[in-house]
Amino acid sequence: MVAVAELWLPILLSGVFVFIASSILHMVLPIHRSDYGKMPGEGEVRAAMRAGGLQQGSYMFPCPGSMKECSTPEHIAKMEEGPVGFMTILPNGPMSMGKSLGTWFVYCLVIGLFTAYLTGLSAAAGTEYMDIFRRAGTVAILGYAMSAVPDSIWKGVSWKITGKFIFDGVIYGLVTAGTFAWLWPDAV
């Protein structure tokens, strides 16, 4: 068993390395450039949303008032008429990339922390590189890659887009695994 406190360096460096890998995947490579398309009639839709006083938040449409209402003929007619969807409205103004990137780095550290905890519970100091790589990789891939799947299941996000995020997550998990295996403490 290895204590989490002994693994502060792989936690920190895996976060840094995943942050760099994600920057490459999202800003240099064209993998995610087609994730979002322009909405037909965007100007008119935005004007209607402004006129309706739409504020920051997450929305479902049509949105029933209760589970019982889901089965009413009126709600079913709205669902069949369409459009049907989920929507997230962000605050007005330019996107705050600094805040998002900072939050992403904290998320990377949290995945590193859980990776350290679970790998440290199951492996002793001096464990071989590939053994640590497999253990840490399993935890990190689960944390990074599988988090996108519920959006396809419940919110209708395209499985193609989710597949791209799973691919990203596997890369991030392998980077994390390599970092932990490289910096795993030697036997005392």
Protein backbone atom coordinates (compact mmCIF):
# COMPACT_ATOMS: atom_id res chain seq x y z
CA MET A 1 0.00 0.00 0.00
CA VAL A 2 1.22 3.49 -0.88
CA ALA A 3 -0.28 6.56 0.80
CA VAL A 4 -1.80 9.27 -1.38
CA ALA A 5 0.55 11.84 0.21
CA GLU A 6 3.52 9.93 -1.25
CA LEU A 7 2.00 10.29 -4.73
CA TRP A 8 1.69 14.08 -4.85
CA LEU A 9 4.19 14.37 -7.73
CA PRO A 10 2.43 11.93 -10.12
CA ILE A 11 -0.91 13.52 -9.19
CA LEU A 12 0.39 16.98 -10.08
CA LEU A 13 2.39 15.99 -13.16
CA SER A 14 -0.36 13.78 -14.59
CA GLY A 15 -2.68 16.80 -14.31
CA VAL A 16 -0.15 18.96 -16.16
CA PHE A 17 0.49 16.32 -18.85
CA VAL A 18 -3.24 15.67 -19.41
CA PHE A 19 -3.83 19.43 -19.61
CA ILE A 20 -1.18 19.63 -22.36
CA ALA A 21 -2.59 16.57 -24.17
CA SER A 22 -6.11 18.03 -24.07
CA SER A 23 -4.84 21.33 -25.45
CA ILE A 24 -3.27 19.47 -28.37
CA LEU A 25 -6.40 17.39 -29.01
CA HIS A 26 -8.74 20.39 -28.90
CA MET A 27 -6.66 23.21 -30.38
CA VAL A 28 -4.15 21.63 -32.75
CA LEU A 29 -5.79 18.49 -34.12
CA PRO A 30 -9.08 18.79 -36.07
CA ILE A 31 -10.86 16.04 -34.08
CA HIS A 32 -13.48 18.24 -32.38
CA ARG A 33 -13.99 20.95 -35.01
CA SER A 34 -17.22 19.35 -36.26
CA ASP A 35 -18.79 18.70 -32.84
CA TYR A 36 -21.22 21.62 -33.10
CA GLY A 37 -23.11 22.94 -36.10
CA LYS A 38 -24.78 26.27 -36.71
CA MET A 39 -28.50 26.32 -35.91
CA PRO A 40 -30.77 27.11 -38.89
CA GLY A 41 -32.43 30.47 -38.34
CA GLU A 42 -30.01 31.25 -35.51
CA GLY A 43 -30.72 34.98 -35.55
CA GLU A 44 -34.47 34.52 -35.26
CA VAL A 45 -34.15 31.84 -32.58
CA ARG A 46 -31.78 34.03 -30.53
CA ALA A 47 -34.14 37.00 -30.89
CA ALA A 48 -37.06 34.87 -29.69
CA MET A 49 -35.04 33.64 -26.71
CA ARG A 50 -34.07 37.22 -25.78
CA ALA A 51 -37.69 38.34 -26.15
CA GLY A 52 -38.76 35.47 -23.89
CA GLY A 53 -36.28 36.55 -21.21
CA LEU A 54 -34.27 33.33 -21.34
CA GLN A 55 -31.65 33.36 -18.58
CA GLN A 56 -28.54 31.30 -17.90
CA GLY A 57 -29.39 27.69 -17.04
CA SER A 58 -30.24 24.25 -18.37
CA TYR A 59 -33.52 23.67 -20.14
CA MET A 60 -35.54 20.82 -21.60
CA PHE A 61 -38.17 21.34 -24.27
CA PRO A 62 -40.97 20.60 -24.26
CA CYS A 63 -40.72 20.41 -20.48
CA PRO A 64 -43.53 18.68 -18.58
CA GLY A 65 -44.54 20.03 -15.19
CA SER A 66 -44.53 16.54 -13.68
CA MET A 67 -43.97 12.88 -14.54
CA LYS A 68 -47.74 12.47 -14.76
CA GLU A 69 -47.89 15.19 -17.42
CA CYS A 70 -45.44 13.20 -19.60
CA SER A 71 -48.22 10.81 -20.56
CA THR A 72 -50.90 13.40 -21.33
CA PRO A 73 -52.08 13.72 -24.95
CA GLU A 74 -51.07 17.41 -24.94
CA HIS A 75 -47.47 16.68 -23.95
CA ILE A 76 -47.20 13.73 -26.33
CA ALA A 77 -48.44 16.00 -29.14
CA LYS A 78 -45.75 18.58 -28.29
CA MET A 79 -43.11 15.82 -28.34
CA GLU A 80 -44.29 14.57 -31.73
CA GLU A 81 -44.53 18.11 -33.14
CA GLY A 82 -40.95 18.96 -32.04
CA PRO A 83 -38.39 20.20 -31.73
CA VAL A 84 -37.38 18.17 -28.67
CA GLY A 85 -34.16 18.83 -26.86
CA PHE A 86 -31.94 19.97 -24.07
CA MET A 87 -30.21 23.32 -24.04
CA THR A 88 -27.65 25.06 -21.86
CA ILE A 89 -27.61 28.85 -21.84
CA LEU A 90 -24.32 30.44 -20.78
CA PRO A 91 -23.90 33.95 -19.38
CA ASN A 92 -23.91 36.72 -21.98
CA GLY A 93 -20.51 37.98 -23.10
CA PRO A 94 -17.30 36.34 -24.25
CA MET A 95 -16.62 32.83 -22.96
CA SER A 96 -14.38 32.74 -19.90
CA MET A 97 -11.68 30.41 -21.14
CA GLY A 98 -9.48 31.13 -18.11
CA LYS A 99 -12.13 29.93 -15.67
CA SER A 100 -12.95 26.87 -17.81
CA LEU A 101 -9.29 25.94 -18.23
CA GLY A 102 -8.68 26.39 -14.50
CA THR A 103 -11.66 24.20 -13.64
CA TRP A 104 -10.48 21.59 -16.18
CA PHE A 105 -7.04 21.51 -14.51
CA VAL A 106 -8.66 21.01 -11.09
CA TYR A 107 -10.71 18.14 -12.61
CA CYS A 108 -7.46 16.59 -13.91
CA LEU A 109 -6.00 16.81 -10.40
CA VAL A 110 -9.12 15.16 -8.94
CA ILE A 111 -8.81 12.27 -11.42
CA GLY A 112 -5.13 12.03 -10.43
CA LEU A 113 -6.10 11.98 -6.76
CA PHE A 114 -8.57 9.11 -7.25
CA THR A 115 -6.02 7.31 -9.42
CA ALA A 116 -3.44 7.68 -6.65
CA TYR A 117 -5.87 6.52 -3.98
CA LEU A 118 -7.06 3.37 -5.76
CA THR A 119 -3.68 2.43 -7.22
CA GLY A 120 -2.02 3.08 -3.86
CA LEU A 121 -4.54 0.80 -2.13
CA SER A 122 -3.81 -2.06 -4.48
CA ALA A 123 -0.06 -1.79 -5.10
CA ALA A 124 3.01 -1.55 -2.91
CA ALA A 125 6.08 0.58 -3.40
CA GLY A 126 8.41 -1.10 -5.88
CA THR A 127 5.61 -2.61 -7.97
CA GLU A 128 6.66 -3.06 -11.60
CA TYR A 129 6.00 -0.37 -14.21
CA MET A 130 3.43 -2.30 -16.30
CA ASP A 131 1.47 -3.38 -13.23
CA ILE A 132 1.14 0.23 -12.07
CA PHE A 133 0.41 1.32 -15.66
CA ARG A 134 -2.52 -1.14 -15.90
CA ARG A 135 -3.98 -0.25 -12.49
CA ALA A 136 -3.62 3.52 -12.82
CA GLY A 137 -4.74 3.41 -16.44
CA THR A 138 -7.92 1.55 -15.59
CA VAL A 139 -8.91 4.09 -12.95
CA ALA A 140 -7.98 7.14 -15.05
CA ILE A 141 -9.66 5.87 -18.22
CA LEU A 142 -12.85 5.22 -16.27
CA GLY A 143 -12.71 8.76 -14.88
CA TYR A 144 -11.92 10.53 -18.13
CA ALA A 145 -13.51 8.39 -20.86
CA MET A 146 -16.75 7.16 -19.40
CA SER A 147 -18.00 10.51 -18.11
CA ALA A 148 -19.37 11.43 -21.56
CA VAL A 149 -21.54 8.34 -22.04
CA PRO A 150 -24.57 9.47 -19.96
CA ASP A 151 -24.96 12.53 -22.22
CA SER A 152 -25.63 10.24 -25.19
CA ILE A 153 -27.90 7.98 -23.17
CA TRP A 154 -30.04 10.69 -21.56
CA LYS A 155 -29.55 13.93 -23.49
CA GLY A 156 -29.32 12.72 -27.07
CA VAL A 157 -25.72 13.83 -27.65
CA SER A 158 -24.49 12.17 -30.83
CA TRP A 159 -22.64 8.90 -30.20
CA LYS A 160 -20.06 10.16 -32.71
CA ILE A 161 -19.28 13.12 -30.44
CA THR A 162 -19.29 10.88 -27.36
CA GLY A 163 -16.93 8.50 -29.17
CA LYS A 164 -14.51 11.38 -29.69
CA PHE A 165 -14.63 12.23 -25.99
CA ILE A 166 -14.10 8.56 -25.10
CA PHE A 167 -11.05 8.59 -27.41
CA ASP A 168 -9.79 11.72 -25.63
CA GLY A 169 -10.40 10.06 -22.26
CA VAL A 170 -8.42 6.98 -23.24
CA ILE A 171 -5.50 9.22 -24.25
CA TYR A 172 -5.74 11.12 -20.95
CA GLY A 173 -5.94 7.85 -19.01
CA LEU A 174 -2.86 6.47 -20.76
CA VAL A 175 -0.96 9.69 -20.06
CA THR A 176 -1.97 9.43 -16.40
CA ALA A 177 -0.99 5.75 -16.30
CA GLY A 178 2.43 6.45 -17.77
CA THR A 179 3.03 9.27 -15.30
CA PHE A 180 2.11 7.13 -12.30
CA ALA A 181 4.13 4.14 -13.51
CA TRP A 182 7.16 6.36 -14.19
CA LEU A 183 7.03 8.07 -10.76
CA TRP A 184 5.87 5.12 -8.63
CA PRO A 185 7.92 4.91 -5.43
CA ASP A 186 10.64 2.29 -5.17
CA ALA A 187 10.54 -0.39 -2.48
CA VAL A 188 12.15 0.76 0.73
